[in-house]
Amino acid sequence: MSKIERVLEVYDFSIIFNQFHIFIPAAIETLKITIASILIGLIIGLFVSLARLSKYKLLYYPASLYITVIRGTPILLQLFIVYFGITSIVTLNAFVSAAIAFGTHNGAYIAEIFRGAIMSIDIGQKEAARSLGMTKIQAMKRIILPQAFKRAVPPLGNQLIIATKDSSLASTIAVRELMLKARQMGSSTYNFFEYLIIAAVYYLIITSILGFVVHRVEKKLAVSDR
């Protein structure tokens, strides 16, 4: 018996085609977690990046500590702290807990993306804005941030893809996303490999679509700069 025949005998690949559609709700849940965590991360990241660039120690040091702690600890640990720690004080369901944990995690990385993009803007533009009578806040809002956001799009796109894959950890707290669905179906049928393949294909589809959207946004912003 050849290796191919042995593989075909061990695995039932018809499951992949026949059961593919039942993963659609789980894929939607994965996408919802990703979008929620990125939106939370964008809000946190913007304010933390500005705090990191501030000359005020009351803003700078807490922001630096937040980034150090979040980037220096595993995302799974952060998820468990939110779900098993905070939920003992405030009632949160699994989805909200995952969105908060992943959003807080993404926020630290997005903050550094924004900070790098802001620092890459020529200081002469800020000085020119001030010479026109703009305040620091007006210069940041009207001149610096719009340009910084354009430069931040590529790394933000990468973070979006990472967030999609990180969302699989939500299965550890029983969020009904792709990984949990694959594990549940595998446990009931013992066809783990086939259902994990289905989950993998869905992740590839989601990340490919998100990557395409980010690429289109990049091209559109590049054209607007010409």
N, C-alpha and C. Protein backbone atom coordinates (compact mmCIF):
# COMPACT_ATOMS: atom_id res chain seq x y z
N MET A 1 0.85 -1.20 0.00
CA MET A 1 0.00 0.00 0.00
C MET A 1 0.89 1.25 0.00
N SER A 2 0.63 2.18 -0.94
CA SER A 2 1.42 3.41 -1.03
C SER A 2 1.05 4.35 0.10
N LYS A 3 1.89 5.38 0.29
CA LYS A 3 1.63 6.36 1.35
C LYS A 3 0.35 7.14 1.09
N ILE A 4 0.10 7.45 -0.19
CA ILE A 4 -1.13 8.19 -0.53
C ILE A 4 -2.36 7.35 -0.21
N GLU A 5 -2.33 6.08 -0.55
CA GLU A 5 -3.46 5.21 -0.25
C GLU A 5 -3.66 5.06 1.26
N ARG A 6 -2.56 5.03 1.99
CA ARG A 6 -2.65 4.92 3.45
C ARG A 6 -3.30 6.15 4.05
N VAL A 7 -2.92 7.33 3.52
CA VAL A 7 -3.50 8.60 3.99
C VAL A 7 -4.99 8.63 3.70
N LEU A 8 -5.36 8.22 2.48
CA LEU A 8 -6.77 8.23 2.09
C LEU A 8 -7.59 7.24 2.92
N GLU A 9 -6.93 6.19 3.39
CA GLU A 9 -7.63 5.21 4.21
C GLU A 9 -7.83 5.72 5.63
N VAL A 10 -6.85 6.46 6.13
CA VAL A 10 -6.91 6.96 7.51
C VAL A 10 -7.85 8.16 7.63
N TYR A 11 -7.78 9.08 6.66
CA TYR A 11 -8.55 10.31 6.73
C TYR A 11 -9.72 10.29 5.75
N ASP A 12 -10.83 10.87 6.18
CA ASP A 12 -12.03 10.96 5.35
C ASP A 12 -12.16 12.39 4.82
N PHE A 13 -11.56 12.65 3.67
CA PHE A 13 -11.52 14.01 3.15
C PHE A 13 -12.88 14.49 2.62
N SER A 14 -13.83 13.58 2.49
CA SER A 14 -15.17 14.01 2.07
C SER A 14 -15.82 14.90 3.12
N ILE A 15 -15.37 14.75 4.38
CA ILE A 15 -15.90 15.58 5.47
C ILE A 15 -15.62 17.05 5.19
N ILE A 16 -14.44 17.32 4.65
CA ILE A 16 -14.05 18.71 4.39
C ILE A 16 -15.05 19.39 3.45
N PHE A 17 -15.50 18.67 2.44
CA PHE A 17 -16.44 19.25 1.46
C PHE A 17 -17.88 19.22 1.97
N ASN A 18 -18.24 18.15 2.66
CA ASN A 18 -19.63 18.00 3.10
C ASN A 18 -19.96 18.84 4.33
N GLN A 19 -18.96 19.08 5.19
CA GLN A 19 -19.20 19.78 6.45
C GLN A 19 -18.67 21.22 6.44
N PHE A 20 -18.14 21.65 5.32
CA PHE A 20 -17.51 22.98 5.25
C PHE A 20 -18.47 24.10 5.64
N HIS A 21 -19.71 24.00 5.19
CA HIS A 21 -20.68 25.08 5.39
C HIS A 21 -21.10 25.27 6.85
N ILE A 22 -20.96 24.22 7.65
CA ILE A 22 -21.44 24.35 9.04
C ILE A 22 -20.49 25.20 9.89
N PHE A 23 -19.35 25.58 9.33
CA PHE A 23 -18.38 26.42 10.05
C PHE A 23 -18.62 27.91 9.79
N ILE A 24 -19.60 28.24 8.96
CA ILE A 24 -19.85 29.65 8.63
C ILE A 24 -20.17 30.49 9.86
N PRO A 25 -21.08 30.07 10.76
CA PRO A 25 -21.33 30.88 11.97
C PRO A 25 -20.08 31.08 12.82
N ALA A 26 -19.24 30.06 12.92
CA ALA A 26 -17.99 30.17 13.68
C ALA A 26 -17.04 31.16 13.02
N ALA A 27 -17.01 31.16 11.68
CA ALA A 27 -16.16 32.10 10.96
C ALA A 27 -16.62 33.53 11.18
N ILE A 28 -17.94 33.73 11.21
CA ILE A 28 -18.49 35.06 11.48
C ILE A 28 -18.12 35.51 12.88
N GLU A 29 -18.17 34.59 13.84
CA GLU A 29 -17.80 34.91 15.22
C GLU A 29 -16.32 35.29 15.30
N THR A 30 -15.48 34.57 14.57
CA THR A 30 -14.05 34.90 14.52
C THR A 30 -13.84 36.30 13.97
N LEU A 31 -14.56 36.62 12.91
CA LEU A 31 -14.43 37.94 12.29
C LEU A 31 -14.92 39.04 13.25
N LYS A 32 -15.99 38.77 13.99
CA LYS A 32 -16.51 39.74 14.95
C LYS A 32 -15.51 40.01 16.06
N ILE A 33 -14.88 38.96 16.57
CA ILE A 33 -13.87 39.13 17.62
C ILE A 33 -12.70 39.96 17.10
N THR A 34 -12.28 39.65 15.88
CA THR A 34 -11.15 40.37 15.28
C THR A 34 -11.44 41.85 15.13
N ILE A 35 -12.61 42.16 14.57
CA ILE A 35 -12.98 43.56 14.34
C ILE A 35 -13.13 44.31 15.66
N ALA A 36 -13.79 43.67 16.64
CA ALA A 36 -13.97 44.31 17.95
C ALA A 36 -12.64 44.59 18.63
N SER A 37 -11.74 43.62 18.58
CA SER A 37 -10.44 43.79 19.24
C SER A 37 -9.59 44.85 18.55
N ILE A 38 -9.67 44.93 17.23
CA ILE A 38 -8.90 45.94 16.50
C ILE A 38 -9.45 47.34 16.77
N LEU A 39 -10.77 47.47 16.81
CA LEU A 39 -11.37 48.79 17.10
C LEU A 39 -10.97 49.27 18.49
N ILE A 40 -11.06 48.37 19.47
CA ILE A 40 -10.63 48.71 20.82
C ILE A 40 -9.14 49.05 20.83
N GLY A 41 -8.36 48.25 20.11
CA GLY A 41 -6.92 48.48 20.04
C GLY A 41 -6.57 49.81 19.40
N LEU A 42 -7.32 50.22 18.36
CA LEU A 42 -7.07 51.50 17.71
C LEU A 42 -7.31 52.68 18.66
N ILE A 43 -8.39 52.60 19.42
CA ILE A 43 -8.70 53.67 20.37
C ILE A 43 -7.62 53.75 21.45
N ILE A 44 -7.30 52.59 22.05
CA ILE A 44 -6.27 52.56 23.08
C ILE A 44 -4.93 52.99 22.50
N GLY A 45 -4.60 52.45 21.33
CA GLY A 45 -3.30 52.72 20.73
C GLY A 45 -3.07 54.18 20.42
N LEU A 46 -4.10 54.87 19.94
CA LEU A 46 -3.96 56.29 19.61
C LEU A 46 -3.65 57.11 20.86
N PHE A 47 -4.43 56.90 21.92
CA PHE A 47 -4.22 57.69 23.14
C PHE A 47 -2.90 57.32 23.82
N VAL A 48 -2.54 56.05 23.82
CA VAL A 48 -1.29 55.64 24.45
C VAL A 48 -0.09 56.18 23.67
N SER A 49 -0.18 56.19 22.35
CA SER A 49 0.93 56.71 21.54
C SER A 49 1.14 58.20 21.81
N LEU A 50 0.05 58.95 21.94
CA LEU A 50 0.17 60.38 22.24
C LEU A 50 0.73 60.58 23.65
N ALA A 51 0.32 59.70 24.57
CA ALA A 51 0.86 59.79 25.94
C ALA A 51 2.35 59.49 25.95
N ARG A 52 2.78 58.54 25.12
CA ARG A 52 4.20 58.18 25.04
C ARG A 52 5.03 59.32 24.45
N LEU A 53 4.41 60.15 23.64
CA LEU A 53 5.11 61.28 23.04
C LEU A 53 5.01 62.55 23.89
N SER A 54 4.23 62.46 24.96
CA SER A 54 4.03 63.62 25.83
C SER A 54 5.25 63.89 26.70
N LYS A 55 5.45 65.16 27.04
CA LYS A 55 6.54 65.54 27.94
C LYS A 55 6.13 65.43 29.40
N TYR A 56 4.82 65.20 29.62
CA TYR A 56 4.31 65.10 30.99
C TYR A 56 4.55 63.68 31.52
N LYS A 57 5.22 63.57 32.64
CA LYS A 57 5.57 62.27 33.21
C LYS A 57 4.35 61.48 33.63
N LEU A 58 3.28 62.19 34.06
CA LEU A 58 2.05 61.51 34.48
C LEU A 58 1.38 60.79 33.31
N LEU A 59 1.69 61.19 32.11
CA LEU A 59 1.16 60.52 30.93
C LEU A 59 2.16 59.53 30.36
N TYR A 60 3.42 59.93 30.31
CA TYR A 60 4.46 59.12 29.68
C TYR A 60 4.71 57.81 30.41
N TYR A 61 4.91 57.86 31.73
CA TYR A 61 5.29 56.66 32.47
C TYR A 61 4.18 55.59 32.53
N PRO A 62 2.91 55.97 32.79
CA PRO A 62 1.86 54.93 32.74
C PRO A 62 1.73 54.29 31.36
N ALA A 63 1.87 55.11 30.30
CA ALA A 63 1.78 54.57 28.94
C ALA A 63 2.93 53.61 28.66
N SER A 64 4.12 53.97 29.09
CA SER A 64 5.29 53.11 28.89
C SER A 64 5.15 51.81 29.68
N LEU A 65 4.62 51.91 30.90
CA LEU A 65 4.42 50.73 31.73
C LEU A 65 3.40 49.79 31.09
N TYR A 66 2.33 50.36 30.57
CA TYR A 66 1.29 49.56 29.90
C TYR A 66 1.88 48.78 28.73
N ILE A 67 2.64 49.45 27.90
CA ILE A 67 3.23 48.79 26.73
C ILE A 67 4.21 47.71 27.16
N THR A 68 5.02 47.99 28.17
CA THR A 68 6.00 47.01 28.66
C THR A 68 5.31 45.76 29.20
N VAL A 69 4.27 45.96 29.99
CA VAL A 69 3.56 44.83 30.61
C VAL A 69 2.84 44.00 29.55
N ILE A 70 2.12 44.64 28.66
CA ILE A 70 1.34 43.93 27.65
C ILE A 70 2.25 43.19 26.67
N ARG A 71 3.30 43.83 26.22
CA ARG A 71 4.20 43.20 25.25
C ARG A 71 5.11 42.17 25.91
N GLY A 72 5.24 42.22 27.22
CA GLY A 72 6.13 41.31 27.92
C GLY A 72 5.45 40.10 28.53
N THR A 73 4.11 39.99 28.34
CA THR A 73 3.37 38.85 28.89
C THR A 73 2.55 38.19 27.77
N PRO A 74 2.31 36.88 27.88
CA PRO A 74 1.58 36.16 26.82
C PRO A 74 0.13 36.63 26.70
N ILE A 75 -0.36 36.66 25.49
CA ILE A 75 -1.74 37.07 25.25
C ILE A 75 -2.73 36.10 25.90
N LEU A 76 -2.38 34.82 25.96
CA LEU A 76 -3.26 33.84 26.61
C LEU A 76 -3.39 34.14 28.10
N LEU A 77 -2.31 34.54 28.73
CA LEU A 77 -2.35 34.92 30.14
C LEU A 77 -3.23 36.14 30.34
N GLN A 78 -3.13 37.11 29.46
CA GLN A 78 -3.96 38.32 29.54
C GLN A 78 -5.44 37.96 29.38
N LEU A 79 -5.73 37.03 28.49
CA LEU A 79 -7.11 36.58 28.29
C LEU A 79 -7.66 35.94 29.56
N PHE A 80 -6.87 35.09 30.19
CA PHE A 80 -7.30 34.42 31.41
C PHE A 80 -7.48 35.40 32.56
N ILE A 81 -6.61 36.41 32.64
CA ILE A 81 -6.73 37.42 33.69
C ILE A 81 -8.05 38.17 33.57
N VAL A 82 -8.40 38.53 32.33
CA VAL A 82 -9.67 39.24 32.11
C VAL A 82 -10.86 38.34 32.40
N TYR A 83 -10.81 37.11 31.85
CA TYR A 83 -11.98 36.23 31.95
C TYR A 83 -12.18 35.67 33.36
N PHE A 84 -11.10 35.21 33.99
CA PHE A 84 -11.23 34.60 35.31
C PHE A 84 -11.03 35.59 36.45
N GLY A 85 -10.42 36.73 36.14
CA GLY A 85 -10.17 37.73 37.18
C GLY A 85 -11.23 38.81 37.24
N ILE A 86 -11.37 39.56 36.13
CA ILE A 86 -12.31 40.67 36.10
C ILE A 86 -13.75 40.19 36.19
N THR A 87 -14.05 39.04 35.58
CA THR A 87 -15.43 38.56 35.60
C THR A 87 -15.90 38.13 37.00
N SER A 88 -14.96 37.98 37.92
CA SER A 88 -15.35 37.70 39.30
C SER A 88 -15.84 38.96 40.00
N ILE A 89 -15.54 40.12 39.39
CA ILE A 89 -15.97 41.41 39.95
C ILE A 89 -17.13 41.98 39.13
N VAL A 90 -16.97 41.95 37.81
CA VAL A 90 -17.99 42.47 36.89
C VAL A 90 -18.42 41.33 35.97
N THR A 91 -19.71 41.22 35.73
CA THR A 91 -20.23 40.14 34.89
C THR A 91 -19.97 40.44 33.41
N LEU A 92 -19.16 39.61 32.80
CA LEU A 92 -18.85 39.73 31.37
C LEU A 92 -18.98 38.35 30.73
N ASN A 93 -19.59 38.31 29.55
CA ASN A 93 -19.64 37.02 28.87
C ASN A 93 -18.31 36.73 28.18
N ALA A 94 -18.16 35.55 27.63
CA ALA A 94 -16.88 35.12 27.05
C ALA A 94 -16.47 36.00 25.87
N PHE A 95 -17.43 36.37 25.02
CA PHE A 95 -17.09 37.18 23.85
C PHE A 95 -16.56 38.54 24.27
N VAL A 96 -17.23 39.21 25.19
CA VAL A 96 -16.80 40.53 25.65
C VAL A 96 -15.43 40.44 26.32
N SER A 97 -15.23 39.40 27.11
CA SER A 97 -13.93 39.21 27.77
C SER A 97 -12.82 39.06 26.74
N ALA A 98 -13.08 38.28 25.70
CA ALA A 98 -12.08 38.09 24.64
C ALA A 98 -11.80 39.39 23.90
N ALA A 99 -12.86 40.14 23.59
CA ALA A 99 -12.70 41.41 22.88
C ALA A 99 -11.87 42.39 23.70
N ILE A 100 -12.12 42.45 25.00
CA ILE A 100 -11.37 43.36 25.88
C ILE A 100 -9.91 42.93 25.97
N ALA A 101 -9.68 41.64 26.19
CA ALA A 101 -8.32 41.13 26.34
C ALA A 101 -7.52 41.32 25.05
N PHE A 102 -8.11 40.94 23.92
CA PHE A 102 -7.40 41.07 22.65
C PHE A 102 -7.25 42.54 22.26
N GLY A 103 -8.27 43.35 22.56
CA GLY A 103 -8.18 44.77 22.25
C GLY A 103 -7.08 45.45 23.04
N THR A 104 -6.98 45.10 24.33
CA THR A 104 -5.92 45.65 25.17
C THR A 104 -4.55 45.20 24.67
N HIS A 105 -4.46 43.96 24.25
CA HIS A 105 -3.20 43.43 23.72
C HIS A 105 -2.83 44.15 22.42
N ASN A 106 -3.78 44.27 21.50
CA ASN A 106 -3.52 44.95 20.24
C ASN A 106 -3.16 46.41 20.45
N GLY A 107 -3.78 47.02 21.47
CA GLY A 107 -3.55 48.43 21.74
C GLY A 107 -2.09 48.76 21.98
N ALA A 108 -1.38 47.87 22.68
CA ALA A 108 0.04 48.12 22.96
C ALA A 108 0.87 48.14 21.68
N TYR A 109 0.58 47.22 20.77
CA TYR A 109 1.32 47.16 19.52
C TYR A 109 0.92 48.28 18.57
N ILE A 110 -0.37 48.60 18.55
CA ILE A 110 -0.84 49.69 17.70
C ILE A 110 -0.30 51.03 18.19
N ALA A 111 -0.15 51.18 19.51
CA ALA A 111 0.42 52.41 20.07
C ALA A 111 1.83 52.64 19.53
N GLU A 112 2.62 51.58 19.47
CA GLU A 112 3.98 51.71 18.94
C GLU A 112 3.97 51.98 17.44
N ILE A 113 2.99 51.42 16.74
CA ILE A 113 2.86 51.70 15.30
C ILE A 113 2.55 53.17 15.09
N PHE A 114 1.58 53.70 15.83
CA PHE A 114 1.22 55.11 15.71
C PHE A 114 2.38 56.01 16.12
N ARG A 115 3.06 55.64 17.21
CA ARG A 115 4.17 56.47 17.69
C ARG A 115 5.27 56.56 16.64
N GLY A 116 5.60 55.43 16.04
CA GLY A 116 6.62 55.44 14.99
C GLY A 116 6.19 56.26 13.79
N ALA A 117 4.90 56.16 13.43
CA ALA A 117 4.40 56.92 12.27
C ALA A 117 4.41 58.41 12.55
N ILE A 118 4.03 58.79 13.76
CA ILE A 118 4.02 60.22 14.13
C ILE A 118 5.43 60.78 14.15
N MET A 119 6.38 60.01 14.69
CA MET A 119 7.76 60.47 14.77
C MET A 119 8.42 60.55 13.40
N SER A 120 7.86 59.83 12.43
CA SER A 120 8.44 59.85 11.08
C SER A 120 8.07 61.10 10.29
N ILE A 121 7.09 61.85 10.78
CA ILE A 121 6.68 63.08 10.10
C ILE A 121 7.72 64.16 10.35
N ASP A 122 8.11 64.85 9.30
CA ASP A 122 9.12 65.89 9.39
C ASP A 122 8.69 66.96 10.41
N ILE A 123 9.58 67.27 11.34
CA ILE A 123 9.26 68.25 12.37
C ILE A 123 8.99 69.62 11.78
N GLY A 124 9.49 69.85 10.57
CA GLY A 124 9.27 71.13 9.90
C GLY A 124 7.80 71.39 9.63
N GLN A 125 7.03 70.33 9.41
CA GLN A 125 5.59 70.50 9.16
C GLN A 125 4.88 70.98 10.43
N LYS A 126 5.31 70.44 11.56
CA LYS A 126 4.74 70.88 12.84
C LYS A 126 5.09 72.34 13.10
N GLU A 127 6.32 72.73 12.81
CA GLU A 127 6.75 74.11 13.02
C GLU A 127 6.02 75.05 12.07
N ALA A 128 5.77 74.58 10.84
CA ALA A 128 5.04 75.40 9.87
C ALA A 128 3.60 75.62 10.34
N ALA A 129 2.99 74.56 10.89
CA ALA A 129 1.63 74.68 11.40
C ALA A 129 1.57 75.67 12.57
N ARG A 130 2.57 75.61 13.45
CA ARG A 130 2.61 76.53 14.59
C ARG A 130 2.81 77.97 14.12
N SER A 131 3.58 78.14 13.04
CA SER A 131 3.82 79.49 12.53
C SER A 131 2.57 80.09 11.91
N LEU A 132 1.62 79.22 11.53
CA LEU A 132 0.35 79.69 10.97
C LEU A 132 -0.67 80.00 12.07
N GLY A 133 -0.26 79.84 13.31
CA GLY A 133 -1.13 80.17 14.42
C GLY A 133 -1.88 78.99 15.02
N MET A 134 -1.57 77.78 14.57
CA MET A 134 -2.23 76.59 15.13
C MET A 134 -1.64 76.25 16.50
N THR A 135 -2.50 75.73 17.35
CA THR A 135 -2.03 75.22 18.63
C THR A 135 -1.40 73.84 18.41
N LYS A 136 -0.76 73.29 19.44
CA LYS A 136 -0.16 71.96 19.32
C LYS A 136 -1.22 70.92 18.99
N ILE A 137 -2.39 71.05 19.63
CA ILE A 137 -3.47 70.09 19.40
C ILE A 137 -4.00 70.20 17.98
N GLN A 138 -4.17 71.44 17.50
CA GLN A 138 -4.65 71.65 16.14
C GLN A 138 -3.66 71.13 15.11
N ALA A 139 -2.37 71.37 15.35
CA ALA A 139 -1.34 70.89 14.43
C ALA A 139 -1.33 69.36 14.39
N MET A 140 -1.47 68.75 15.55
CA MET A 140 -1.49 67.29 15.61
C MET A 140 -2.71 66.74 14.90
N LYS A 141 -3.87 67.37 15.12
CA LYS A 141 -5.12 66.88 14.56
C LYS A 141 -5.21 67.10 13.06
N ARG A 142 -4.78 68.26 12.58
CA ARG A 142 -4.99 68.62 11.18
C ARG A 142 -3.81 68.27 10.27
N ILE A 143 -2.62 68.26 10.81
CA ILE A 143 -1.44 68.08 9.97
C ILE A 143 -0.73 66.74 10.21
N ILE A 144 -0.40 66.46 11.46
CA ILE A 144 0.45 65.32 11.78
C ILE A 144 -0.31 63.99 11.68
N LEU A 145 -1.45 63.89 12.40
CA LEU A 145 -2.17 62.61 12.48
C LEU A 145 -2.65 62.10 11.12
N PRO A 146 -3.21 62.94 10.23
CA PRO A 146 -3.64 62.42 8.93
C PRO A 146 -2.49 61.78 8.14
N GLN A 147 -1.32 62.41 8.18
CA GLN A 147 -0.17 61.85 7.47
C GLN A 147 0.35 60.59 8.18
N ALA A 148 0.36 60.64 9.50
CA ALA A 148 0.83 59.49 10.27
C ALA A 148 -0.06 58.28 10.04
N PHE A 149 -1.36 58.50 9.95
CA PHE A 149 -2.28 57.38 9.74
C PHE A 149 -2.00 56.70 8.41
N LYS A 150 -1.71 57.50 7.36
CA LYS A 150 -1.40 56.91 6.05
C LYS A 150 -0.16 56.03 6.14
N ARG A 151 0.84 56.50 6.86
CA ARG A 151 2.09 55.72 6.99
C ARG A 151 1.90 54.50 7.88
N ALA A 152 0.89 54.55 8.73
CA ALA A 152 0.66 53.44 9.66
C ALA A 152 -0.17 52.32 9.06
N VAL A 153 -0.78 52.56 7.90
CA VAL A 153 -1.69 51.56 7.32
C VAL A 153 -1.03 50.21 7.08
N PRO A 154 0.16 50.13 6.46
CA PRO A 154 0.77 48.81 6.24
C PRO A 154 1.01 48.01 7.53
N PRO A 155 1.66 48.59 8.55
CA PRO A 155 1.83 47.81 9.80
C PRO A 155 0.51 47.53 10.51
N LEU A 156 -0.47 48.43 10.38
CA LEU A 156 -1.79 48.16 10.96
C LEU A 156 -2.45 46.98 10.26
N GLY A 157 -2.22 46.87 8.96
CA GLY A 157 -2.74 45.72 8.22
C GLY A 157 -2.14 44.42 8.72
N ASN A 158 -0.85 44.45 8.99
CA ASN A 158 -0.19 43.26 9.55
C ASN A 158 -0.76 42.91 10.92
N GLN A 159 -1.01 43.93 11.73
CA GLN A 159 -1.57 43.69 13.06
C GLN A 159 -2.98 43.12 12.96
N LEU A 160 -3.73 43.53 11.95
CA LEU A 160 -5.07 42.99 11.73
C LEU A 160 -5.01 41.50 11.42
N ILE A 161 -4.05 41.10 10.60
CA ILE A 161 -3.88 39.68 10.27
C ILE A 161 -3.49 38.90 11.52
N ILE A 162 -2.57 39.46 12.30
CA ILE A 162 -2.14 38.80 13.55
C ILE A 162 -3.32 38.66 14.50
N ALA A 163 -4.14 39.71 14.59
CA ALA A 163 -5.31 39.67 15.48
C ALA A 163 -6.29 38.58 15.07
N THR A 164 -6.42 38.37 13.77
CA THR A 164 -7.31 37.31 13.27
C THR A 164 -6.84 35.95 13.76
N LYS A 165 -5.55 35.71 13.65
CA LYS A 165 -5.00 34.42 14.09
C LYS A 165 -5.01 34.29 15.62
N ASP A 166 -4.76 35.39 16.31
CA ASP A 166 -4.79 35.36 17.78
C ASP A 166 -6.19 35.06 18.32
N SER A 167 -7.22 35.38 17.53
CA SER A 167 -8.59 35.16 17.97
C SER A 167 -8.88 33.68 18.24
N SER A 168 -8.05 32.80 17.70
CA SER A 168 -8.24 31.36 17.93
C SER A 168 -8.10 31.01 19.41
N LEU A 169 -7.38 31.85 20.17
CA LEU A 169 -7.20 31.60 21.60
C LEU A 169 -8.51 31.79 22.38
N ALA A 170 -9.48 32.46 21.76
CA ALA A 170 -10.77 32.65 22.43
C ALA A 170 -11.48 31.32 22.65
N SER A 171 -11.06 30.29 21.93
CA SER A 171 -11.67 28.97 22.12
C SER A 171 -11.40 28.42 23.52
N THR A 172 -10.33 28.93 24.16
CA THR A 172 -9.99 28.43 25.50
C THR A 172 -10.99 28.89 26.56
N ILE A 173 -11.78 29.92 26.24
CA ILE A 173 -12.82 30.36 27.19
C ILE A 173 -14.21 30.14 26.58
N ALA A 174 -14.30 29.21 25.65
CA ALA A 174 -15.58 28.74 25.08
C ALA A 174 -16.30 29.76 24.21
N VAL A 175 -15.54 30.65 23.54
CA VAL A 175 -16.15 31.50 22.52
C VAL A 175 -16.33 30.65 21.28
N ARG A 176 -17.50 30.70 20.67
CA ARG A 176 -17.83 29.79 19.58
C ARG A 176 -17.25 30.24 18.24
N GLU A 177 -15.91 30.28 18.19
CA GLU A 177 -15.23 30.65 16.94
C GLU A 177 -14.70 29.40 16.26
N LEU A 178 -13.84 29.57 15.27
CA LEU A 178 -13.44 28.46 14.41
C LEU A 178 -12.72 27.33 15.14
N MET A 179 -11.79 27.67 16.01
CA MET A 179 -11.03 26.63 16.69
C MET A 179 -11.90 25.80 17.62
N LEU A 180 -12.80 26.46 18.34
CA LEU A 180 -13.69 25.72 19.23
C LEU A 180 -14.60 24.80 18.42
N LYS A 181 -15.10 25.31 17.30
CA LYS A 181 -15.96 24.49 16.44
C LYS A 181 -15.21 23.27 15.94
N ALA A 182 -13.97 23.44 15.51
CA ALA A 182 -13.16 22.33 15.01
C ALA A 182 -12.90 21.30 16.12
N ARG A 183 -12.60 21.78 17.31
CA ARG A 183 -12.34 20.87 18.44
C ARG A 183 -13.59 20.10 18.84
N GLN A 184 -14.74 20.81 18.85
CA GLN A 184 -15.99 20.14 19.22
C GLN A 184 -16.38 19.08 18.20
N MET A 185 -16.27 19.42 16.93
CA MET A 185 -16.62 18.45 15.89
C MET A 185 -15.65 17.28 15.89
N GLY A 186 -14.38 17.56 16.12
CA GLY A 186 -13.39 16.50 16.18
C GLY A 186 -13.61 15.57 17.35
N SER A 187 -14.00 16.13 18.49
CA SER A 187 -14.24 15.32 19.69
C SER A 187 -15.43 14.39 19.52
N SER A 188 -16.43 14.85 18.78
CA SER A 188 -17.64 14.04 18.62
C SER A 188 -17.50 12.96 17.55
N THR A 189 -16.55 13.16 16.61
CA THR A 189 -16.42 12.22 15.50
C THR A 189 -15.04 11.55 15.44
N TYR A 190 -14.08 12.09 16.19
CA TYR A 190 -12.69 11.64 16.18
C TYR A 190 -12.00 11.91 14.84
N ASN A 191 -12.58 12.79 14.05
CA ASN A 191 -11.96 13.22 12.79
C ASN A 191 -11.32 14.60 12.99
N PHE A 192 -10.41 14.70 13.93
CA PHE A 192 -9.81 15.99 14.26
C PHE A 192 -9.13 16.63 13.06
N PHE A 193 -8.35 15.84 12.34
CA PHE A 193 -7.56 16.37 11.23
C PHE A 193 -8.44 17.05 10.19
N GLU A 194 -9.51 16.41 9.80
CA GLU A 194 -10.38 16.95 8.76
C GLU A 194 -11.01 18.28 9.19
N TYR A 195 -11.47 18.34 10.43
CA TYR A 195 -12.13 19.57 10.89
C TYR A 195 -11.12 20.69 11.14
N LEU A 196 -9.92 20.34 11.52
CA LEU A 196 -8.87 21.35 11.65
C LEU A 196 -8.48 21.92 10.29
N ILE A 197 -8.53 21.08 9.27
CA ILE A 197 -8.28 21.55 7.91
C ILE A 197 -9.35 22.56 7.49
N ILE A 198 -10.59 22.27 7.83
CA ILE A 198 -11.69 23.21 7.51
C ILE A 198 -11.44 24.55 8.19
N ALA A 199 -11.08 24.50 9.48
CA ALA A 199 -10.80 25.74 10.21
C ALA A 199 -9.64 26.50 9.56
N ALA A 200 -8.61 25.78 9.15
CA ALA A 200 -7.45 26.41 8.52
C ALA A 200 -7.83 27.12 7.23
N VAL A 201 -8.70 26.48 6.44
CA VAL A 201 -9.14 27.09 5.18
C VAL A 201 -9.91 28.37 5.45
N TYR A 202 -10.77 28.36 6.47
CA TYR A 202 -11.52 29.57 6.81
C TYR A 202 -10.60 30.69 7.26
N TYR A 203 -9.58 30.35 8.07
CA TYR A 203 -8.61 31.37 8.48
C TYR A 203 -7.90 31.96 7.27
N LEU A 204 -7.53 31.10 6.33
CA LEU A 204 -6.86 31.57 5.11
C LEU A 204 -7.76 32.50 4.31
N ILE A 205 -9.03 32.14 4.22
CA ILE A 205 -9.99 32.97 3.48
C ILE A 205 -10.12 34.34 4.14
N ILE A 206 -10.31 34.34 5.47
CA ILE A 206 -10.49 35.60 6.21
C ILE A 206 -9.26 36.48 6.09
N THR A 207 -8.07 35.91 6.34
CA THR A 207 -6.85 36.72 6.29
C THR A 207 -6.56 37.20 4.87
N SER A 208 -6.90 36.40 3.88
CA SER A 208 -6.68 36.82 2.49
C SER A 208 -7.59 37.98 2.12
N ILE A 209 -8.84 37.92 2.55
CA ILE A 209 -9.78 39.01 2.26
C ILE A 209 -9.34 40.29 2.98
N LEU A 210 -8.98 40.16 4.25
CA LEU A 210 -8.53 41.33 5.01
C LEU A 210 -7.25 41.90 4.40
N GLY A 211 -6.34 41.03 3.99
CA GLY A 211 -5.11 41.49 3.35
C GLY A 211 -5.38 42.23 2.06
N PHE A 212 -6.35 41.73 1.29
CA PHE A 212 -6.72 42.40 0.03
C PHE A 212 -7.30 43.78 0.30
N VAL A 213 -8.17 43.88 1.30
CA VAL A 213 -8.79 45.16 1.65
C VAL A 213 -7.72 46.17 2.08
N VAL A 214 -6.79 45.73 2.93
CA VAL A 214 -5.72 46.61 3.39
C VAL A 214 -4.86 47.07 2.21
N HIS A 215 -4.58 46.14 1.30
CA HIS A 215 -3.78 46.49 0.12
C HIS A 215 -4.48 47.54 -0.73
N ARG A 216 -5.79 47.41 -0.89
CA ARG A 216 -6.56 48.39 -1.66
C ARG A 216 -6.54 49.75 -0.98
N VAL A 217 -6.65 49.76 0.34
CA VAL A 217 -6.59 51.02 1.08
C VAL A 217 -5.23 51.67 0.91
N GLU A 218 -4.16 50.87 0.97
CA GLU A 218 -2.80 51.37 0.77
C GLU A 218 -2.68 52.04 -0.60
N LYS A 219 -3.17 51.37 -1.64
CA LYS A 219 -3.08 51.90 -2.99
C LYS A 219 -3.87 53.20 -3.14
N LYS A 220 -5.05 53.22 -2.52
CA LYS A 220 -5.88 54.42 -2.61
C LYS A 220 -5.22 55.60 -1.92
N LEU A 221 -4.64 55.36 -0.74
CA LEU A 221 -3.95 56.43 -0.02
C LEU A 221 -2.71 56.89 -0.76
N ALA A 222 -2.03 55.93 -1.43
CA ALA A 222 -0.83 56.29 -2.19
C ALA A 222 -1.18 57.19 -3.38
N VAL A 223 -2.30 56.88 -4.02
CA VAL A 223 -2.76 57.70 -5.15
C VAL A 223 -3.13 59.09 -4.69
N SER A 224 -3.77 59.21 -3.51
CA SER A 224 -4.20 60.51 -3.01
C SER A 224 -3.01 61.40 -2.66
N ASP A 225 -1.82 60.82 -2.46
CA ASP A 225 -0.64 61.59 -2.13
C ASP A 225 0.04 62.18 -3.36
N ARG A 226 -0.32 61.68 -4.53
CA ARG A 226 0.33 62.13 -5.76
C ARG A 226 -0.20 63.50 -6.21
